[in-house]
Protein backbone atom coordinates (compact mmCIF):
# COMPACT_ATOMS: atom_id res chain seq x y z
CA UNK A 1 0.14 0.31 -0.24
CA UNK A 2 1.39 3.45 -0.81
CA UNK A 3 -0.33 6.82 -0.32
CA UNK A 4 0.44 8.75 -3.46
CA UNK A 5 -1.00 12.10 -3.18
CA UNK A 6 -2.74 14.23 -0.38
CA UNK A 7 -0.14 13.38 2.60
CA UNK A 8 -2.67 10.52 4.22
CA UNK A 9 -1.18 7.64 5.88
CA UNK A 10 -2.44 3.60 6.00
CA UNK A 11 -2.28 1.50 9.32
CA UNK A 12 0.20 -0.98 7.45
CA UNK A 13 2.19 -0.82 4.17
CA UNK A 14 1.56 -4.80 3.55
CA UNK A 15 -1.61 -6.83 4.20
CA UNK A 16 -2.09 -10.37 3.02
CA UNK A 17 -5.70 -11.35 1.10
CA UNK A 18 -8.11 -13.10 2.92
CA UNK A 19 -9.53 -16.37 1.58
CA UNK A 20 -12.25 -14.44 -0.87
CA UNK A 21 -9.07 -12.66 -2.12
CA UNK A 22 -9.59 -9.49 -0.47
CA UNK A 23 -7.05 -7.39 1.03
CA UNK A 24 -7.64 -4.47 3.66
CA UNK A 25 -5.97 -1.56 5.07
CA UNK A 26 -7.22 1.65 7.30
CA UNK A 27 -6.42 5.14 5.17
CA UNK A 28 -6.34 8.14 6.97
CA UNK A 29 -6.92 11.12 4.69
CA UNK A 30 -4.49 14.08 4.50
CA UNK A 31 -5.52 17.49 5.74
CA UNK A 32 -5.98 19.19 2.53
CA UNK A 33 -8.99 19.10 0.99
CA UNK A 34 -9.28 17.79 -2.70
CA UNK A 35 -8.31 14.25 -4.65
CA UNK A 36 -6.28 11.74 -2.51
CA UNK A 37 -4.87 8.58 -4.01
CA UNK A 38 -3.55 5.07 -2.66
CA UNK A 39 -1.84 2.57 -4.67
CA UNK A 40 -2.63 -1.00 -3.70
CA UNK A 41 0.11 -3.31 -5.62
CA UNK A 42 0.54 -6.98 -5.69
CA UNK A 43 4.09 -9.09 -6.36
CA UNK A 44 3.31 -9.68 -9.91
CA UNK A 45 3.46 -5.70 -10.42
CA UNK A 46 -0.34 -5.00 -10.93
CA UNK A 47 -1.37 -2.03 -9.19
CA UNK A 48 -4.92 -0.53 -8.58
CA UNK A 49 -5.31 3.33 -7.91
CA UNK A 50 -8.01 4.15 -5.07
CA UNK A 51 -9.07 7.79 -5.12
CA UNK A 52 -10.71 9.69 -2.68
CA UNK A 53 -11.80 13.24 -2.21
CA UNK A 54 -11.31 14.49 1.28
CA UNK A 55 -13.71 17.75 2.31
CA UNK A 56 -13.19 20.41 4.48
CA UNK A 57 -13.96 20.10 7.90
CA UNK A 58 -16.13 22.81 9.67
CA UNK A 59 -15.21 26.09 10.01
CA UNK A 60 -12.75 27.01 12.42
CA UNK A 61 -11.71 30.69 11.42
CA UNK A 62 -12.72 33.59 9.09
CA UNK A 63 -10.71 36.34 7.45
CA UNK A 64 -11.44 39.05 5.68
CA UNK A 65 -10.29 38.95 1.73
CA UNK A 66 -10.97 42.28 0.15
CA UNK A 67 -10.12 45.69 1.87
CA UNK A 68 -11.39 45.96 5.45
CA UNK A 69 -11.51 49.79 4.98
CA UNK A 70 -13.22 51.00 1.88
CA UNK A 71 -13.97 54.56 1.22
CA UNK A 72 -16.57 55.39 -1.54
CA UNK A 73 -18.47 58.57 -2.50
CA UNK A 74 -21.47 59.44 -0.13
CA UNK A 75 -24.57 57.32 -1.74
CA UNK A 76 -22.50 54.86 -3.68
CA UNK A 77 -22.38 51.39 -3.64
CA UNK A 78 -19.01 49.69 -2.37
CA UNK A 79 -17.09 47.22 -4.26
CA UNK A 80 -18.11 43.58 -3.01
CA UNK A 81 -17.10 42.97 0.94
CA UNK A 82 -15.68 39.36 1.07
CA UNK A 83 -14.76 37.08 3.75
CA UNK A 84 -13.73 33.77 3.72
CA UNK A 85 -14.45 30.55 5.63
CA UNK A 86 -11.54 28.26 6.72
CA UNK A 87 -11.34 24.56 8.54
CA UNK A 88 -8.90 23.92 11.09
CA UNK A 89 -6.26 22.69 8.26
CA UNK A 90 -6.55 26.15 6.18
CA UNK A 91 -8.95 24.51 3.71
CA UNK A 92 -11.73 26.81 2.35
CA UNK A 93 -15.25 25.89 3.73
CA UNK A 94 -17.96 25.86 1.25
CA UNK A 95 -21.60 26.58 2.09
CA UNK A 96 -21.66 28.37 5.38
CA UNK A 97 -24.28 30.62 6.13
CA UNK A 98 -23.26 34.25 6.54
CA UNK A 99 -25.64 37.23 8.04
CA UNK A 100 -24.60 40.57 7.35
CA UNK A 101 -25.65 43.64 9.17
CA UNK A 102 -24.67 47.33 8.66
CA UNK A 103 -25.44 50.42 11.22
CA UNK A 104 -26.17 52.54 8.17
CA UNK A 105 -26.65 52.34 4.55
CA UNK A 106 -28.30 49.43 2.72
CA UNK A 107 -27.08 46.20 2.17
CA UNK A 108 -27.74 44.61 -1.18
CA UNK A 109 -28.27 41.34 0.81
CA UNK A 110 -29.04 40.28 4.57
CA UNK A 111 -27.77 36.54 4.24
CA UNK A 112 -25.21 34.74 1.75
CA UNK A 113 -23.47 31.73 1.65
CA UNK A 114 -20.13 30.83 0.79
CA UNK A 115 -19.08 29.73 -2.44
CA UNK A 116 -16.70 26.66 -3.40
CA UNK A 117 -13.64 29.27 -2.62
CA UNK A 118 -15.28 29.43 1.11
CA UNK A 119 -15.93 33.37 0.06
CA UNK A 120 -19.14 35.03 0.80
CA UNK A 121 -19.60 38.52 -0.19
CA UNK A 122 -22.09 41.71 -0.33
CA UNK A 123 -22.36 45.33 -1.14
CA UNK A 124 -23.35 48.03 0.71
CA UNK A 125 -25.09 51.51 -0.67
CA UNK A 126 -23.90 53.98 1.90
CA UNK A 127 -26.19 57.19 2.91
CA UNK A 128 -26.30 60.27 0.73
CA UNK A 129 -24.49 62.28 3.62
CA UNK A 130 -21.11 62.07 4.52
CA UNK A 131 -20.50 59.25 7.46
CA UNK A 132 -18.74 56.08 8.41
CA UNK A 133 -20.76 52.64 8.17
CA UNK A 134 -19.93 49.48 9.98
CA UNK A 135 -20.59 46.35 8.08
CA UNK A 136 -20.28 42.99 9.88
CA UNK A 137 -20.49 39.41 8.51
CA UNK A 138 -21.72 36.99 10.93
CA UNK A 139 -20.94 33.22 10.40
CA UNK A 140 -22.46 29.91 12.07
CA UNK A 141 -20.59 29.12 15.22
CA UNK A 142 -20.29 33.04 16.37
CA UNK A 143 -17.25 33.83 13.80
CA UNK A 144 -17.83 37.25 12.37
CA UNK A 145 -15.50 39.88 10.31
CA UNK A 146 -16.11 43.55 10.24
CA UNK A 147 -15.53 46.48 7.42
CA UNK A 148 -15.39 50.03 8.12
CA UNK A 149 -16.86 51.65 4.59
CA UNK A 150 -16.63 55.45 4.27
CA UNK A 151 -18.83 57.25 2.63
CA UNK A 152 -17.10 60.79 1.53
């Protein structure tokens, strides 16, 4: 048995077949989300490639991925305010619900879900008179990120 991609491990490098000709091994996938491969080889040189797709674990941290301080003309709409959800291994987590809130202005949406890249985004139309706006993205589990938007 040989892990060839994904960094995982097997509990044994060698195993014998049972009465039915089946060999078994326990495979622990690596921490990077995505395709991982294990190769089984027998003495005559024949091989079988086994592929698994590792999924990201649950959300463990978040980060702002666009500028956390945005300045636009009063009454204008911001570029996308973007945040990313990560699992404990640094993989992006898709499908995480976000609730967006602001102390002023109008958000284009009050709720979004992170995409395959772990990113969720919203835009804010600032108030027509100059002022600062605080925008917060709240993730399930109590994680949150904030932006300061200055309407000039």
